[in-house]
Protein backbone atom coordinates (compact mmCIF):
# COMPACT_ATOMS: atom_id res chain seq x y z
CA MET A 1 -24.29 -67.13 -66.95
CA ALA A 2 -20.60 -67.58 -67.02
CA VAL A 3 -18.65 -68.25 -70.03
CA GLY A 4 -16.74 -71.43 -69.94
CA PRO A 5 -14.39 -73.22 -72.17
CA THR A 6 -17.03 -75.12 -74.12
CA SER A 7 -18.92 -71.71 -74.79
CA MET A 8 -15.69 -69.98 -75.86
CA ILE A 9 -15.05 -72.96 -78.50
CA VAL A 10 -18.60 -72.71 -79.70
CA ILE A 11 -18.19 -68.94 -80.23
CA ALA A 12 -14.83 -69.44 -82.12
CA VAL A 13 -16.42 -71.98 -84.33
CA VAL A 14 -19.42 -69.77 -85.23
CA ALA A 15 -16.90 -66.90 -85.72
CA LEU A 16 -14.82 -68.86 -88.12
CA ILE A 17 -17.94 -70.24 -89.91
CA ILE A 18 -19.34 -66.49 -90.27
CA PHE A 19 -16.21 -64.74 -91.24
CA GLY A 20 -13.89 -67.39 -92.80
CA PRO A 21 -10.40 -68.07 -91.98
CA LYS A 22 -8.82 -65.29 -93.92
CA LYS A 23 -10.99 -62.41 -92.46
CA LEU A 24 -10.76 -63.79 -88.84
CA PRO A 25 -7.13 -62.30 -88.22
CA GLN A 26 -8.42 -58.83 -89.73
CA PHE A 27 -11.33 -58.85 -87.46
CA GLY A 28 -9.34 -59.81 -84.30
CA ARG A 29 -6.67 -56.90 -85.14
CA ALA A 30 -9.65 -54.42 -85.58
CA MET A 31 -11.25 -55.52 -82.26
CA GLY A 32 -7.72 -55.15 -80.58
CA SER A 33 -7.19 -51.88 -81.89
CA THR A 34 -10.62 -50.44 -80.90
CA LEU A 35 -10.32 -51.81 -77.25
CA LYS A 36 -6.80 -50.13 -77.19
CA GLU A 37 -8.17 -46.96 -78.09
CA PHE A 38 -10.88 -47.02 -75.84
CA LYS A 39 -8.76 -47.87 -73.02
CA ASP A 40 -6.31 -44.90 -73.76
CA ALA A 41 -9.28 -42.53 -73.92
CA THR A 42 -10.80 -43.86 -70.51
CA LYS A 43 -7.41 -43.59 -68.94
CA GLY A 44 -7.13 -40.05 -70.24
CA LEU A 45 -10.40 -39.10 -68.69
CA ALA A 46 -9.37 -40.51 -65.23
CA THR A 47 -6.11 -38.75 -65.48
CA ASP A 48 -8.09 -35.44 -66.05
CA ASP A 49 -9.95 -35.97 -63.07
CA ASP A 50 -6.78 -36.40 -61.11
CA ASP A 51 -5.17 -33.50 -62.56
CA GLU A 52 -8.19 -31.23 -61.55
CA GLU A 53 -7.96 -32.54 -57.93
CA GLU A 54 -4.11 -31.98 -57.98
CA GLU A 55 -4.69 -28.50 -59.17
CA LEU A 56 -7.08 -27.72 -56.25
CA GLU A 57 -4.46 -29.11 -53.91
CA ARG A 58 -1.64 -26.85 -55.36
CA LYS A 59 -3.90 -23.85 -54.96
CA LYS A 60 -4.27 -24.67 -51.19
CA GLN A 61 -0.70 -25.81 -50.85
CA PRO A 62 0.97 -22.23 -51.22
CA LYS A 63 -0.95 -20.64 -48.53
CA LYS A 64 0.55 -23.51 -46.08
CA ILE A 65 4.00 -23.02 -47.53
CA GLU A 66 3.85 -19.19 -46.89
CA ALA A 67 2.67 -19.65 -43.37
CA VAL A 68 5.58 -21.96 -42.62
CA GLU A 69 8.14 -19.72 -44.25
CA VAL A 70 6.61 -16.80 -42.11
CA GLU A 71 7.17 -18.90 -39.00
CA LYS A 72 10.84 -19.90 -39.93
CA ALA A 73 11.43 -16.35 -40.69
CA GLU A 74 10.14 -15.38 -37.03
CA GLU A 75 12.21 -17.94 -35.56
CA THR A 76 15.35 -16.69 -37.22
CA ARG A 77 14.85 -13.32 -35.97
CA VAL A 78 14.25 -14.29 -32.24
């Protein structure tokens, strides 16, 4: 059930009849701002998950760095 050009025209005409030409731009702006806020909120959720993964990797990483530094120190002693 795809939305084609004919369906879009019918939806636009029905919206114009229901809301009127004066209210339609306000309705469009409200829908746009709502979608933008939703997108920003979901982006924040995805970023939070990435931050948690990065934090776990950072906790593991210092152990690896310390081991490399110890190896380098031993090489310089020899």
